[in-house]
Amino acid sequence: MQANSELSKSLAGFNILAEQYPDLKA
């Protein structure tokens, strides 16, 4: 539960990163 909580926090930053790359989104 703790590890997945940390993973959820990290995914938030990852989502912002992915938004910055239109080629990646395609």
mmCIF file of all heavy atoms, coordinates in Angstrom:
data_MODEL
# 
_entry.id   MODEL 
# 
loop_
_atom_site.group_PDB 
_atom_site.id 
_atom_site.type_symbol 
_atom_site.label_atom_id 
_atom_site.label_alt_id 
_atom_site.label_comp_id 
_atom_site.label_asym_id 
_atom_site.label_entity_id 
_atom_site.label_seq_id 
_atom_site.pdbx_PDB_ins_code 
_atom_site.Cartn_x 
_atom_site.Cartn_y 
_atom_site.Cartn_z 
_atom_site.occupancy 
_atom_site.B_iso_or_equiv 
_atom_site.pdbx_formal_charge 
_atom_site.auth_seq_id 
_atom_site.auth_comp_id 
_atom_site.auth_asym_id 
_atom_site.auth_atom_id 
_atom_site.pdbx_PDB_model_num 
ATOM 1   N N   . MET A 1 1  ? 0.830  -1.200 0.000   1.00 0.00 ? 1  MET A N   1 
ATOM 2   C CA  . MET A 1 1  ? 0.000  0.000  0.000   1.00 0.00 ? 1  MET A CA  1 
ATOM 3   C C   . MET A 1 1  ? 0.870  1.256  0.000   1.00 0.00 ? 1  MET A C   1 
ATOM 4   O O   . MET A 1 1  ? 0.596  2.206  -0.719  1.00 0.00 ? 1  MET A O   1 
ATOM 5   C CB  . MET A 1 1  ? -0.971 -0.014 1.184   1.00 0.00 ? 1  MET A CB  1 
ATOM 6   C CG  . MET A 1 1  ? -2.108 -0.992 1.006   1.00 0.00 ? 1  MET A CG  1 
ATOM 7   S SD  . MET A 1 1  ? -3.376 -0.820 2.275   1.00 0.00 ? 1  MET A SD  1 
ATOM 8   C CE  . MET A 1 1  ? -2.888 -2.076 3.419   1.00 0.00 ? 1  MET A CE  1 
ATOM 9   N N   . GLN A 1 2  ? 1.943  1.251  0.783   1.00 0.00 ? 2  GLN A N   1 
ATOM 10  C CA  . GLN A 1 2  ? 2.841  2.399  0.839   1.00 0.00 ? 2  GLN A CA  1 
ATOM 11  C C   . GLN A 1 2  ? 3.560  2.593  -0.492  1.00 0.00 ? 2  GLN A C   1 
ATOM 12  O O   . GLN A 1 2  ? 3.660  3.718  -0.998  1.00 0.00 ? 2  GLN A O   1 
ATOM 13  C CB  . GLN A 1 2  ? 3.865  2.219  1.974   1.00 0.00 ? 2  GLN A CB  1 
ATOM 14  C CG  . GLN A 1 2  ? 4.826  3.381  2.115   1.00 0.00 ? 2  GLN A CG  1 
ATOM 15  C CD  . GLN A 1 2  ? 4.138  4.700  2.422   1.00 0.00 ? 2  GLN A CD  1 
ATOM 16  O OE1 . GLN A 1 2  ? 3.159  4.746  3.156   1.00 0.00 ? 2  GLN A OE1 1 
ATOM 17  N NE2 . GLN A 1 2  ? 4.634  5.773  1.851   1.00 0.00 ? 2  GLN A NE2 1 
ATOM 18  N N   . ALA A 1 3  ? 4.061  1.499  -1.071  1.00 0.00 ? 3  ALA A N   1 
ATOM 19  C CA  . ALA A 1 3  ? 4.775  1.592  -2.350  1.00 0.00 ? 3  ALA A CA  1 
ATOM 20  C C   . ALA A 1 3  ? 3.856  2.107  -3.453  1.00 0.00 ? 3  ALA A C   1 
ATOM 21  O O   . ALA A 1 3  ? 4.258  2.931  -4.279  1.00 0.00 ? 3  ALA A O   1 
ATOM 22  C CB  . ALA A 1 3  ? 5.349  0.232  -2.733  1.00 0.00 ? 3  ALA A CB  1 
ATOM 23  N N   . ASN A 1 4  ? 2.620  1.654  -3.464  1.00 0.00 ? 4  ASN A N   1 
ATOM 24  C CA  . ASN A 1 4  ? 1.688  2.115  -4.483  1.00 0.00 ? 4  ASN A CA  1 
ATOM 25  C C   . ASN A 1 4  ? 1.252  3.546  -4.243  1.00 0.00 ? 4  ASN A C   1 
ATOM 26  O O   . ASN A 1 4  ? 0.953  4.274  -5.184  1.00 0.00 ? 4  ASN A O   1 
ATOM 27  C CB  . ASN A 1 4  ? 0.500  1.160  -4.593  1.00 0.00 ? 4  ASN A CB  1 
ATOM 28  C CG  . ASN A 1 4  ? 0.842  -0.010 -5.472  1.00 0.00 ? 4  ASN A CG  1 
ATOM 29  O OD1 . ASN A 1 4  ? 0.921  0.124  -6.687  1.00 0.00 ? 4  ASN A OD1 1 
ATOM 30  N ND2 . ASN A 1 4  ? 1.112  -1.147 -4.870  1.00 0.00 ? 4  ASN A ND2 1 
ATOM 31  N N   . SER A 1 5  ? 1.250  3.974  -3.007  1.00 0.00 ? 5  SER A N   1 
ATOM 32  C CA  . SER A 1 5  ? 0.970  5.376  -2.710  1.00 0.00 ? 5  SER A CA  1 
ATOM 33  C C   . SER A 1 5  ? 2.089  6.249  -3.283  1.00 0.00 ? 5  SER A C   1 
ATOM 34  O O   . SER A 1 5  ? 1.828  7.282  -3.912  1.00 0.00 ? 5  SER A O   1 
ATOM 35  C CB  . SER A 1 5  ? 0.860  5.548  -1.196  1.00 0.00 ? 5  SER A CB  1 
ATOM 36  O OG  . SER A 1 5  ? 0.557  6.864  -0.876  1.00 0.00 ? 5  SER A OG  1 
ATOM 37  N N   . GLU A 1 6  ? 3.335  5.827  -3.083  1.00 0.00 ? 6  GLU A N   1 
ATOM 38  C CA  . GLU A 1 6  ? 4.482  6.558  -3.638  1.00 0.00 ? 6  GLU A CA  1 
ATOM 39  C C   . GLU A 1 6  ? 4.431  6.551  -5.165  1.00 0.00 ? 6  GLU A C   1 
ATOM 40  O O   . GLU A 1 6  ? 4.741  7.548  -5.813  1.00 0.00 ? 6  GLU A O   1 
ATOM 41  C CB  . GLU A 1 6  ? 5.796  5.928  -3.164  1.00 0.00 ? 6  GLU A CB  1 
ATOM 42  C CG  . GLU A 1 6  ? 6.053  6.077  -1.688  1.00 0.00 ? 6  GLU A CG  1 
ATOM 43  C CD  . GLU A 1 6  ? 6.226  7.519  -1.257  1.00 0.00 ? 6  GLU A CD  1 
ATOM 44  O OE1 . GLU A 1 6  ? 6.845  8.308  -2.004  1.00 0.00 ? 6  GLU A OE1 1 
ATOM 45  O OE2 . GLU A 1 6  ? 5.721  7.874  -0.181  1.00 0.00 ? 6  GLU A OE2 1 
ATOM 46  N N   . LEU A 1 7  ? 4.036  5.428  -5.732  1.00 0.00 ? 7  LEU A N   1 
ATOM 47  C CA  . LEU A 1 7  ? 3.943  5.313  -7.192  1.00 0.00 ? 7  LEU A CA  1 
ATOM 48  C C   . LEU A 1 7  ? 2.887  6.274  -7.735  1.00 0.00 ? 7  LEU A C   1 
ATOM 49  O O   . LEU A 1 7  ? 3.100  6.915  -8.771  1.00 0.00 ? 7  LEU A O   1 
ATOM 50  C CB  . LEU A 1 7  ? 3.618  3.870  -7.574  1.00 0.00 ? 7  LEU A CB  1 
ATOM 51  C CG  . LEU A 1 7  ? 3.761  3.487  -9.031  1.00 0.00 ? 7  LEU A CG  1 
ATOM 52  C CD1 . LEU A 1 7  ? 5.164  3.771  -9.541  1.00 0.00 ? 7  LEU A CD1 1 
ATOM 53  C CD2 . LEU A 1 7  ? 3.438  2.008  -9.204  1.00 0.00 ? 7  LEU A CD2 1 
ATOM 54  N N   . SER A 1 8  ? 1.782  6.408  -7.033  1.00 0.00 ? 8  SER A N   1 
ATOM 55  C CA  . SER A 1 8  ? 0.734  7.342  -7.465  1.00 0.00 ? 8  SER A CA  1 
ATOM 56  C C   . SER A 1 8  ? 1.253  8.772  -7.480  1.00 0.00 ? 8  SER A C   1 
ATOM 57  O O   . SER A 1 8  ? 0.955  9.540  -8.393  1.00 0.00 ? 8  SER A O   1 
ATOM 58  C CB  . SER A 1 8  ? -0.481 7.254  -6.542  1.00 0.00 ? 8  SER A CB  1 
ATOM 59  O OG  . SER A 1 8  ? -1.127 6.022  -6.699  1.00 0.00 ? 8  SER A OG  1 
ATOM 60  N N   . LYS A 1 9  ? 2.032  9.133  -6.450  1.00 0.00 ? 9  LYS A N   1 
ATOM 61  C CA  . LYS A 1 9  ? 2.620  10.471 -6.409  1.00 0.00 ? 9  LYS A CA  1 
ATOM 62  C C   . LYS A 1 9  ? 3.553  10.691 -7.598  1.00 0.00 ? 9  LYS A C   1 
ATOM 63  O O   . LYS A 1 9  ? 3.532  11.753 -8.222  1.00 0.00 ? 9  LYS A O   1 
ATOM 64  C CB  . LYS A 1 9  ? 3.422  10.669 -5.112  1.00 0.00 ? 9  LYS A CB  1 
ATOM 65  C CG  . LYS A 1 9  ? 2.606  10.764 -3.872  1.00 0.00 ? 9  LYS A CG  1 
ATOM 66  C CD  . LYS A 1 9  ? 3.528  10.890 -2.668  1.00 0.00 ? 9  LYS A CD  1 
ATOM 67  C CE  . LYS A 1 9  ? 2.818  10.530 -1.390  1.00 0.00 ? 9  LYS A CE  1 
ATOM 68  N NZ  . LYS A 1 9  ? 3.732  10.489 -0.248  1.00 0.00 ? 9  LYS A NZ  1 
ATOM 69  N N   . SER A 1 10 ? 4.376  9.693  -7.899  1.00 0.00 ? 10 SER A N   1 
ATOM 70  C CA  . SER A 1 10 ? 5.329  9.813  -9.002  1.00 0.00 ? 10 SER A CA  1 
ATOM 71  C C   . SER A 1 10 ? 4.617  9.891  -10.353 1.00 0.00 ? 10 SER A C   1 
ATOM 72  O O   . SER A 1 10 ? 5.075  10.582 -11.255 1.00 0.00 ? 10 SER A O   1 
ATOM 73  C CB  . SER A 1 10 ? 6.286  8.619  -9.006  1.00 0.00 ? 10 SER A CB  1 
ATOM 74  O OG  . SER A 1 10 ? 7.064  8.626  -7.847  1.00 0.00 ? 10 SER A OG  1 
ATOM 75  N N   . LEU A 1 11 ? 3.520  9.181  -10.489 1.00 0.00 ? 11 LEU A N   1 
ATOM 76  C CA  . LEU A 1 11 ? 2.780  9.204  -11.754 1.00 0.00 ? 11 LEU A CA  1 
ATOM 77  C C   . LEU A 1 11 ? 2.237  10.595 -12.067 1.00 0.00 ? 11 LEU A C   1 
ATOM 78  O O   . LEU A 1 11 ? 2.120  10.964 -13.238 1.00 0.00 ? 11 LEU A O   1 
ATOM 79  C CB  . LEU A 1 11 ? 1.626  8.194  -11.726 1.00 0.00 ? 11 LEU A CB  1 
ATOM 80  C CG  . LEU A 1 11 ? 2.019  6.749  -11.993 1.00 0.00 ? 11 LEU A CG  1 
ATOM 81  C CD1 . LEU A 1 11 ? 0.812  5.842  -11.813 1.00 0.00 ? 11 LEU A CD1 1 
ATOM 82  C CD2 . LEU A 1 11 ? 2.625  6.570  -13.360 1.00 0.00 ? 11 LEU A CD2 1 
ATOM 83  N N   . ALA A 1 12 ? 1.927  11.367 -11.041 1.00 0.00 ? 12 ALA A N   1 
ATOM 84  C CA  . ALA A 1 12 ? 1.424  12.727 -11.271 1.00 0.00 ? 12 ALA A CA  1 
ATOM 85  C C   . ALA A 1 12 ? 2.473  13.555 -12.016 1.00 0.00 ? 12 ALA A C   1 
ATOM 86  O O   . ALA A 1 12 ? 2.160  14.246 -12.989 1.00 0.00 ? 12 ALA A O   1 
ATOM 87  C CB  . ALA A 1 12 ? 1.050  13.386 -9.956  1.00 0.00 ? 12 ALA A CB  1 
ATOM 88  N N   . GLY A 1 13 ? 3.723  13.488 -11.588 1.00 0.00 ? 13 GLY A N   1 
ATOM 89  C CA  . GLY A 1 13 ? 4.802  14.207 -12.275 1.00 0.00 ? 13 GLY A CA  1 
ATOM 90  C C   . GLY A 1 13 ? 5.063  13.641 -13.652 1.00 0.00 ? 13 GLY A C   1 
ATOM 91  O O   . GLY A 1 13 ? 5.377  14.366 -14.603 1.00 0.00 ? 13 GLY A O   1 
ATOM 92  N N   . PHE A 1 14 ? 4.919  12.360 -13.782 1.00 0.00 ? 14 PHE A N   1 
ATOM 93  C CA  . PHE A 1 14 ? 5.110  11.689 -15.062 1.00 0.00 ? 14 PHE A CA  1 
ATOM 94  C C   . PHE A 1 14 ? 4.061  12.139 -16.069 1.00 0.00 ? 14 PHE A C   1 
ATOM 95  O O   . PHE A 1 14 ? 4.359  12.354 -17.247 1.00 0.00 ? 14 PHE A O   1 
ATOM 96  C CB  . PHE A 1 14 ? 5.030  10.178 -14.825 1.00 0.00 ? 14 PHE A CB  1 
ATOM 97  C CG  . PHE A 1 14 ? 5.320  9.353  -16.036 1.00 0.00 ? 14 PHE A CG  1 
ATOM 98  C CD1 . PHE A 1 14 ? 6.614  9.230  -16.511 1.00 0.00 ? 14 PHE A CD1 1 
ATOM 99  C CD2 . PHE A 1 14 ? 4.305  8.687  -16.687 1.00 0.00 ? 14 PHE A CD2 1 
ATOM 100 C CE1 . PHE A 1 14 ? 6.886  8.462  -17.618 1.00 0.00 ? 14 PHE A CE1 1 
ATOM 101 C CE2 . PHE A 1 14 ? 4.564  7.919  -17.793 1.00 0.00 ? 14 PHE A CE2 1 
ATOM 102 C CZ  . PHE A 1 14 ? 5.856  7.792  -18.258 1.00 0.00 ? 14 PHE A CZ  1 
ATOM 103 N N   . ASN A 1 15 ? 2.835  12.313 -15.622 1.00 0.00 ? 15 ASN A N   1 
ATOM 104 C CA  . ASN A 1 15 ? 1.753  12.762 -16.499 1.00 0.00 ? 15 ASN A CA  1 
ATOM 105 C C   . ASN A 1 15 ? 2.041  14.148 -17.058 1.00 0.00 ? 15 ASN A C   1 
ATOM 106 O O   . ASN A 1 15 ? 1.783  14.425 -18.230 1.00 0.00 ? 15 ASN A O   1 
ATOM 107 C CB  . ASN A 1 15 ? 0.421  12.771 -15.750 1.00 0.00 ? 15 ASN A CB  1 
ATOM 108 C CG  . ASN A 1 15 ? -0.029 11.388 -15.374 1.00 0.00 ? 15 ASN A CG  1 
ATOM 109 O OD1 . ASN A 1 15 ? 0.360  10.402 -15.984 1.00 0.00 ? 15 ASN A OD1 1 
ATOM 110 N ND2 . ASN A 1 15 ? -0.843 11.302 -14.353 1.00 0.00 ? 15 ASN A ND2 1 
ATOM 111 N N   . ILE A 1 16 ? 2.557  15.021 -16.216 1.00 0.00 ? 16 ILE A N   1 
ATOM 112 C CA  . ILE A 1 16 ? 2.904  16.379 -16.657 1.00 0.00 ? 16 ILE A CA  1 
ATOM 113 C C   . ILE A 1 16 ? 3.994  16.310 -17.714 1.00 0.00 ? 16 ILE A C   1 
ATOM 114 O O   . ILE A 1 16 ? 3.937  17.000 -18.736 1.00 0.00 ? 16 ILE A O   1 
ATOM 115 C CB  . ILE A 1 16 ? 3.346  17.237 -15.446 1.00 0.00 ? 16 ILE A CB  1 
ATOM 116 C CG1 . ILE A 1 16 ? 2.139  17.459 -14.528 1.00 0.00 ? 16 ILE A CG1 1 
ATOM 117 C CG2 . ILE A 1 16 ? 3.953  18.555 -15.898 1.00 0.00 ? 16 ILE A CG2 1 
ATOM 118 C CD1 . ILE A 1 16 ? 2.494  18.027 -13.168 1.00 0.00 ? 16 ILE A CD1 1 
ATOM 119 N N   . LEU A 1 17 ? 4.971  15.456 -17.487 1.00 0.00 ? 17 LEU A N   1 
ATOM 120 C CA  . LEU A 1 17 ? 6.064  15.280 -18.441 1.00 0.00 ? 17 LEU A CA  1 
ATOM 121 C C   . LEU A 1 17 ? 5.537  14.817 -19.802 1.00 0.00 ? 17 LEU A C   1 
ATOM 122 O O   . LEU A 1 17 ? 5.904  15.367 -20.844 1.00 0.00 ? 17 LEU A O   1 
ATOM 123 C CB  . LEU A 1 17 ? 7.066  14.254 -17.897 1.00 0.00 ? 17 LEU A CB  1 
ATOM 124 C CG  . LEU A 1 17 ? 8.125  13.739 -18.874 1.00 0.00 ? 17 LEU A CG  1 
ATOM 125 C CD1 . LEU A 1 17 ? 9.073  14.861 -19.231 1.00 0.00 ? 17 LEU A CD1 1 
ATOM 126 C CD2 . LEU A 1 17 ? 8.881  12.577 -18.262 1.00 0.00 ? 17 LEU A CD2 1 
ATOM 127 N N   . ALA A 1 18 ? 4.684  13.831 -19.804 1.00 0.00 ? 18 ALA A N   1 
ATOM 128 C CA  . ALA A 1 18 ? 4.172  13.277 -21.057 1.00 0.00 ? 18 ALA A CA  1 
ATOM 129 C C   . ALA A 1 18 ? 3.364  14.305 -21.834 1.00 0.00 ? 18 ALA A C   1 
ATOM 130 O O   . ALA A 1 18 ? 3.340  14.280 -23.068 1.00 0.00 ? 18 ALA A O   1 
ATOM 131 C CB  . ALA A 1 18 ? 3.334  12.037 -20.781 1.00 0.00 ? 18 ALA A CB  1 
ATOM 132 N N   . GLU A 1 19 ? 2.696  15.206 -21.127 1.00 0.00 ? 19 GLU A N   1 
ATOM 133 C CA  . GLU A 1 19 ? 1.925  16.258 -21.787 1.00 0.00 ? 19 GLU A CA  1 
ATOM 134 C C   . GLU A 1 19 ? 2.814  17.162 -22.650 1.00 0.00 ? 19 GLU A C   1 
ATOM 135 O O   . GLU A 1 19 ? 2.352  17.767 -23.606 1.00 0.00 ? 19 GLU A O   1 
ATOM 136 C CB  . GLU A 1 19 ? 1.199  17.114 -20.747 1.00 0.00 ? 19 GLU A CB  1 
ATOM 137 C CG  . GLU A 1 19 ? -0.066 16.497 -20.202 1.00 0.00 ? 19 GLU A CG  1 
ATOM 138 C CD  . GLU A 1 19 ? -1.169 16.438 -21.232 1.00 0.00 ? 19 GLU A CD  1 
ATOM 139 O OE1 . GLU A 1 19 ? -1.330 17.369 -22.037 1.00 0.00 ? 19 GLU A OE1 1 
ATOM 140 O OE2 . GLU A 1 19 ? -1.878 15.419 -21.235 1.00 0.00 ? 19 GLU A OE2 1 
ATOM 141 N N   . GLN A 1 20 ? 4.080  17.254 -22.310 1.00 0.00 ? 20 GLN A N   1 
ATOM 142 C CA  . GLN A 1 20 ? 4.989  18.172 -22.996 1.00 0.00 ? 20 GLN A CA  1 
ATOM 143 C C   . GLN A 1 20 ? 5.492  17.629 -24.333 1.00 0.00 ? 20 GLN A C   1 
ATOM 144 O O   . GLN A 1 20 ? 6.179  18.342 -25.057 1.00 0.00 ? 20 GLN A O   1 
ATOM 145 C CB  . GLN A 1 20 ? 6.188  18.487 -22.082 1.00 0.00 ? 20 GLN A CB  1 
ATOM 146 C CG  . GLN A 1 20 ? 5.782  19.173 -20.812 1.00 0.00 ? 20 GLN A CG  1 
ATOM 147 C CD  . GLN A 1 20 ? 6.945  19.291 -19.833 1.00 0.00 ? 20 GLN A CD  1 
ATOM 148 O OE1 . GLN A 1 20 ? 8.050  18.865 -20.104 1.00 0.00 ? 20 GLN A OE1 1 
ATOM 149 N NE2 . GLN A 1 20 ? 6.672  19.875 -18.686 1.00 0.00 ? 20 GLN A NE2 1 
ATOM 150 N N   . TYR A 1 21 ? 5.155  16.400 -24.678 1.00 0.00 ? 21 TYR A N   1 
ATOM 151 C CA  . TYR A 1 21 ? 5.690  15.777 -25.888 1.00 0.00 ? 21 TYR A CA  1 
ATOM 152 C C   . TYR A 1 21 ? 4.557  15.301 -26.800 1.00 0.00 ? 21 TYR A C   1 
ATOM 153 O O   . TYR A 1 21 ? 4.066  14.176 -26.658 1.00 0.00 ? 21 TYR A O   1 
ATOM 154 C CB  . TYR A 1 21 ? 6.618  14.609 -25.511 1.00 0.00 ? 21 TYR A CB  1 
ATOM 155 C CG  . TYR A 1 21 ? 7.827  15.096 -24.767 1.00 0.00 ? 21 TYR A CG  1 
ATOM 156 C CD1 . TYR A 1 21 ? 7.832  15.157 -23.377 1.00 0.00 ? 21 TYR A CD1 1 
ATOM 157 C CD2 . TYR A 1 21 ? 8.945  15.536 -25.464 1.00 0.00 ? 21 TYR A CD2 1 
ATOM 158 C CE1 . TYR A 1 21 ? 8.932  15.641 -22.693 1.00 0.00 ? 21 TYR A CE1 1 
ATOM 159 C CE2 . TYR A 1 21 ? 10.055 16.016 -24.782 1.00 0.00 ? 21 TYR A CE2 1 
ATOM 160 C CZ  . TYR A 1 21 ? 10.041 16.066 -23.405 1.00 0.00 ? 21 TYR A CZ  1 
ATOM 161 O OH  . TYR A 1 21 ? 11.131 16.544 -22.734 1.00 0.00 ? 21 TYR A OH  1 
ATOM 162 N N   . PRO A 1 22 ? 4.159  16.124 -27.765 1.00 0.00 ? 22 PRO A N   1 
ATOM 163 C CA  . PRO A 1 22 ? 3.059  15.745 -28.661 1.00 0.00 ? 22 PRO A CA  1 
ATOM 164 C C   . PRO A 1 22 ? 3.358  14.480 -29.463 1.00 0.00 ? 22 PRO A C   1 
ATOM 165 O O   . PRO A 1 22 ? 2.457  13.680 -29.712 1.00 0.00 ? 22 PRO A O   1 
ATOM 166 C CB  . PRO A 1 22 ? 2.916  16.952 -29.602 1.00 0.00 ? 22 PRO A CB  1 
ATOM 167 C CG  . PRO A 1 22 ? 3.609  18.071 -28.911 1.00 0.00 ? 22 PRO A CG  1 
ATOM 168 C CD  . PRO A 1 22 ? 4.635  17.478 -28.013 1.00 0.00 ? 22 PRO A CD  1 
ATOM 169 N N   . ASP A 1 23 ? 4.631  14.285 -29.851 1.00 0.00 ? 23 ASP A N   1 
ATOM 170 C CA  . ASP A 1 23 ? 4.968  13.071 -30.606 1.00 0.00 ? 23 ASP A CA  1 
ATOM 171 C C   . ASP A 1 23 ? 4.741  11.821 -29.760 1.00 0.00 ? 23 ASP A C   1 
ATOM 172 O O   . ASP A 1 23 ? 4.309  10.793 -30.272 1.00 0.00 ? 23 ASP A O   1 
ATOM 173 C CB  . ASP A 1 23 ? 6.438  13.103 -31.057 1.00 0.00 ? 23 ASP A CB  1 
ATOM 174 C CG  . ASP A 1 23 ? 6.682  14.162 -32.115 1.00 0.00 ? 23 ASP A CG  1 
ATOM 175 O OD1 . ASP A 1 23 ? 5.689  14.642 -32.710 1.00 0.00 ? 23 ASP A OD1 1 
ATOM 176 O OD2 . ASP A 1 23 ? 7.849  14.507 -32.343 1.00 0.00 ? 23 ASP A OD2 1 
ATOM 177 N N   . LEU A 1 24 ? 5.034  11.933 -28.498 1.00 0.00 ? 24 LEU A N   1 
ATOM 178 C CA  . LEU A 1 24 ? 4.829  10.812 -27.588 1.00 0.00 ? 24 LEU A CA  1 
ATOM 179 C C   . LEU A 1 24 ? 3.345  10.484 -27.500 1.00 0.00 ? 24 LEU A C   1 
ATOM 180 O O   . LEU A 1 24 ? 2.948  9.316  -27.529 1.00 0.00 ? 24 LEU A O   1 
ATOM 181 C CB  . LEU A 1 24 ? 5.378  11.151 -26.202 1.00 0.00 ? 24 LEU A CB  1 
ATOM 182 C CG  . LEU A 1 24 ? 5.127  10.129 -25.106 1.00 0.00 ? 24 LEU A CG  1 
ATOM 183 C CD1 . LEU A 1 24 ? 5.787  8.804  -25.441 1.00 0.00 ? 24 LEU A CD1 1 
ATOM 184 C CD2 . LEU A 1 24 ? 5.626  10.656 -23.768 1.00 0.00 ? 24 LEU A CD2 1 
ATOM 185 N N   . LYS A 1 25 ? 2.533  11.516 -27.417 1.00 0.00 ? 25 LYS A N   1 
ATOM 186 C CA  . LYS A 1 25 ? 1.086  11.305 -27.306 1.00 0.00 ? 25 LYS A CA  1 
ATOM 187 C C   . LYS A 1 25 ? 0.506  10.649 -28.554 1.00 0.00 ? 25 LYS A C   1 
ATOM 188 O O   . LYS A 1 25 ? -0.566 10.074 -28.518 1.00 0.00 ? 25 LYS A O   1 
ATOM 189 C CB  . LYS A 1 25 ? 0.383  12.633 -27.024 1.00 0.00 ? 25 LYS A CB  1 
ATOM 190 C CG  . LYS A 1 25 ? 0.718  13.130 -25.632 1.00 0.00 ? 25 LYS A CG  1 
ATOM 191 C CD  . LYS A 1 25 ? 0.217  14.479 -25.237 1.00 0.00 ? 25 LYS A CD  1 
ATOM 192 C CE  . LYS A 1 25 ? -0.892 15.106 -25.957 1.00 0.00 ? 25 LYS A CE  1 
ATOM 193 N NZ  . LYS A 1 25 ? -1.322 16.378 -25.403 1.00 0.00 ? 25 LYS A NZ  1 
ATOM 194 N N   . ALA A 1 26 ? 1.222  10.702 -29.665 1.00 0.00 ? 26 ALA A N   1 
ATOM 195 C CA  . ALA A 1 26 ? 0.760  10.091 -30.906 1.00 0.00 ? 26 ALA A CA  1 
ATOM 196 C C   . ALA A 1 26 ? 1.334  8.689  -31.106 1.00 0.00 ? 26 ALA A C   1 
ATOM 197 O O   . ALA A 1 26 ? 0.910  7.975  -32.012 1.00 0.00 ? 26 ALA A O   1 
ATOM 198 C CB  . ALA A 1 26 ? 1.147  10.971 -32.094 1.00 0.00 ? 26 ALA A CB  1 
# 
